[in-house]
C-alpha atoms as a PDB file:
ATOM      1  CA  MET A   1     209.604 141.906  96.873  1.00  0.00           C
ATOM      2  CA  ALA A   2     211.087 139.452  94.382  1.00  0.00           C
ATOM      3  CA  HIS A   3     213.494 136.862  95.494  1.00  0.00           C
ATOM      4  CA  GLU A   4     217.624 138.333  94.732  1.00  0.00           C
ATOM      5  CA  THR A   5     219.762 135.565  93.514  1.00  0.00           C
ATOM      6  CA  THR A   6     223.560 135.889  93.281  1.00  0.00           C
ATOM      7  CA  LEU A   7     224.949 135.022  89.977  1.00  0.00           C
ATOM      8  CA  ASP A   8     228.931 135.263  89.657  1.00  0.00           C
ATOM      9  CA  VAL A   9     230.585 136.336  85.909  1.00  0.00           C
ATOM     10  CA  THR A  10     233.767 136.711  84.229  1.00  0.00           C
ATOM     11  CA  VAL A  11     235.082 139.467  81.960  1.00  0.00           C
ATOM     12  CA  MET A  12     238.289 139.530  81.157  1.00  0.00           C
ATOM     13  CA  GLY A  13     239.220 136.840  83.194  1.00  0.00           C
ATOM     14  CA  ARG A  14     238.255 138.488  86.600  1.00  0.00           C
ATOM     15  CA  GLU A  15     235.260 137.364  88.459  1.00  0.00           C
ATOM     16  CA  PHE A  16     232.301 139.394  89.471  1.00  0.00           C
ATOM     17  CA  ARG A  17     229.662 138.674  92.048  1.00  0.00           C
ATOM     18  CA  ILE A  18     226.366 140.355  91.090  1.00  0.00           C
ATOM     19  CA  HIS A  19     222.919 140.385  93.693  1.00  0.00           C
ATOM     20  CA  CYS A  20     219.980 140.558  90.976  1.00  0.00           C
ATOM     21  CA  THR A  21     216.421 139.349  91.074  1.00  0.00           C
ATOM     22  CA  GLU A  22     215.618 135.436  88.997  1.00  0.00           C
ATOM     23  CA  ALA A  23     213.764 138.102  86.472  1.00  0.00           C
ATOM     24  CA  GLU A  24     217.215 139.278  85.686  1.00  0.00           C
ATOM     25  CA  ARG A  25     219.136 136.822  85.795  1.00  0.00           C
ATOM     26  CA  GLU A  26     219.079 135.848  81.853  1.00  0.00           C
ATOM     27  CA  GLY A  27     218.979 139.672  80.594  1.00  0.00           C
ATOM     28  CA  LEU A  28     222.456 140.055  82.936  1.00  0.00           C
ATOM     29  CA  LEU A  29     223.798 137.199  81.347  1.00  0.00           C
ATOM     30  CA  LEU A  30     223.150 138.459  77.724  1.00  0.00           C
ATOM     31  CA  ALA A  31     225.132 141.861  79.141  1.00  0.00           C
ATOM     32  CA  VAL A  32     228.141 139.909  80.473  1.00  0.00           C
ATOM     33  CA  SER A  33     228.656 137.786  77.232  1.00  0.00           C
ATOM     34  CA  TYR A  34     227.671 140.735  75.686  1.00  0.00           C
ATOM     35  CA  LEU A  35     230.423 143.031  77.667  1.00  0.00           C
ATOM     36  CA  GLU A  36     232.947 140.578  76.893  1.00  0.00           C
ATOM     37  CA  GLN A  37     232.998 140.245  73.419  1.00  0.00           C
ATOM     38  CA  LYS A  38     233.290 144.047  72.942  1.00  0.00           C
ATOM     39  CA  MET A  39     236.109 144.136  75.860  1.00  0.00           C
ATOM     40  CA  GLN A  40     238.046 141.140  73.649  1.00  0.00           C
ATOM     41  CA  ALA A  41     237.330 143.087  70.492  1.00  0.00           C
ATOM     42  CA  ILE A  42     239.142 146.016  71.445  1.00  0.00           C
ATOM     43  CA  LYS A  43     241.815 144.076  73.252  1.00  0.00           C
ATOM     44  CA  GLN A  44     242.198 141.960  70.097  1.00  0.00           C
ATOM     45  CA  ALA A  45     242.632 145.362  68.059  1.00  0.00           C
ATOM     46  CA  GLY A  46     245.965 146.137  70.210  1.00  0.00           C
ATOM     47  CA  LYS A  47     244.986 149.966  70.424  1.00  0.00           C
ATOM     48  CA  ILE A  48     244.391 149.918  73.806  1.00  0.00           C
ATOM     49  CA  VAL A  49     246.515 148.182  76.505  1.00  0.00           C
ATOM     50  CA  GLY A  50     245.174 147.564  80.260  1.00  0.00           C
ATOM     51  CA  THR A  51     242.018 146.058  81.217  1.00  0.00           C
ATOM     52  CA  GLU A  52     240.471 150.031  83.108  1.00  0.00           C
ATOM     53  CA  ARG A  53     241.098 151.598  79.838  1.00  0.00           C
ATOM     54  CA  ILE A  54     239.478 148.620  77.536  1.00  0.00           C
ATOM     55  CA  ALA A  55     236.442 148.789  79.670  1.00  0.00           C
ATOM     56  CA  ILE A  56     236.555 152.543  79.201  1.00  0.00           C
ATOM     57  CA  ALA A  57     236.334 151.608  75.526  1.00  0.00           C
ATOM     58  CA  ALA A  58     233.955 149.322  75.458  1.00  0.00           C
ATOM     59  CA  ALA A  59     231.645 151.446  77.746  1.00  0.00           C
ATOM     60  CA  LEU A  60     231.579 154.536  75.701  1.00  0.00           C
ATOM     61  CA  SER A  61     231.185 151.992  72.281  1.00  0.00           C
ATOM     62  CA  ILE A  62     228.428 150.792  74.493  1.00  0.00           C
ATOM     63  CA  THR A  63     226.813 154.125  75.475  1.00  0.00           C
ATOM     64  CA  HIS A  64     227.545 155.140  71.443  1.00  0.00           C
ATOM     65  CA  GLU A  65     225.249 152.515  70.338  1.00  0.00           C
ATOM     66  CA  LEU A  66     222.440 153.180  73.229  1.00  0.00           C
ATOM     67  CA  LEU A  67     222.100 156.705  72.252  1.00  0.00           C
ATOM     68  CA  ASN A  68     221.990 156.105  68.619  1.00  0.00           C
ATOM     69  CA  LEU A  69     218.861 153.280  69.685  1.00  0.00           C
ATOM     70  CA  ARG A  70     217.217 155.811  71.386  1.00  0.00           C
ATOM     71  CA  ALA A  71     217.479 158.650  68.689  1.00  0.00           C
ATOM     72  CA  GLY A  72     216.334 156.489  65.611  1.00  0.00           C
ATOM     73  CA  LYS A  73     219.969 155.895  64.237  1.00  0.00           C
ATOM     74  CA  GLY A  74     220.869 152.582  64.931  1.00  0.00           C
ATOM     75  CA  PHE A  75     218.735 150.223  62.489  1.00  0.00           C
ATOM     76  CA  ASP A  76     216.762 150.721  60.369  1.00  0.00           C
ATOM     77  CA  ILE A  77     214.372 148.384  58.721  1.00  0.00           C
ATOM     78  CA  LYS A  78     213.665 149.202  55.230  1.00  0.00           C
ATOM     79  CA  GLU A  79     217.916 148.856  54.609  1.00  0.00           C
ATOM     80  CA  PHE A  80     217.221 145.609  56.497  1.00  0.00           C
ATOM     81  CA  LYS A  81     214.719 144.556  54.123  1.00  0.00           C
ATOM     82  CA  ARG A  82     216.390 145.622  51.302  1.00  0.00           C
ATOM     83  CA  ARG A  83     219.395 143.719  51.877  1.00  0.00           C
ATOM     84  CA  ILE A  84     217.149 140.276  52.881  1.00  0.00           C
ATOM     85  CA  GLU A  85     216.183 140.659  49.613  1.00  0.00           C
ATOM     86  CA  SER A  86     218.817 140.889  47.628  1.00  0.00           C
ATOM     87  CA  MET A  87     220.563 137.997  49.323  1.00  0.00           C
ATOM     88  CA  VAL A  88     216.900 135.674  48.683  1.00  0.00           C
ATOM     89  CA  SER A  89     217.412 137.262  44.970  1.00  0.00           C
ATOM     90  CA  LYS A  90     221.232 135.638  45.401  1.00  0.00           C
ATOM     91  CA  LEU A  91     220.548 132.569  46.529  1.00  0.00           C
ATOM     92  CA  ASP A  92     217.405 132.336  44.071  1.00  0.00           C
ATOM     93  CA  ASN A  93     219.677 132.825  41.559  1.00  0.00           C
ATOM     94  CA  VAL A  94     222.528 130.806  42.524  1.00  0.00           C
ATOM     95  CA  LEU A  95     219.977 127.676  43.132  1.00  0.00           C
ATOM     96  CA  SER A  96     218.172 127.902  39.751  1.00  0.00           C
ATOM     97  CA  GLY A  97     220.998 127.025  37.981  1.00  0.00           C
ATOM     98  CA  GLN A  98     221.807 124.198  39.798  1.00  0.00           C
ATOM     99  CA  ASP A  99     220.237 120.747  39.260  1.00  0.00           C
ATOM    100  CA  HIS A 100     217.963 119.452  41.520  1.00  0.00           C
ATOM    101  CA  PRO A 101     217.675 115.793  42.688  1.00  0.00           C
ATOM    102  CA  ASP A 102     213.280 115.961  42.787  1.00  0.00           C
ATOM    103  CA  THR A 103     214.263 117.622  39.272  1.00  0.00           C
ATOM    104  CA  LEU A 104     213.310 115.054  36.162  1.00  0.00           C
ATOM    105  CA  LYS A 105     215.543 115.086  33.258  1.00  0.00           C
END
């Protein structure tokens, strides 16, 4: 049996104690950070008031993201590559117009 540890985390100013294995620790810390970011974004948007309602909205948003990823809709590698190629092209164009310190005049 894996050794359990206690992890103290804070979400929206509230402290929680989570029991987990050492192997789960890093993943749980990432999950807490992601949840906190989602909840803070919802709170800052100002459309939803109350911690419980914000938590439910964040849970629905994260669940929707997960289901889209599972359905294969979440990450379009072709679109990702196209955007990177476009950025590289734009950077090349910008850099080609600049004087480089190693270029002799």
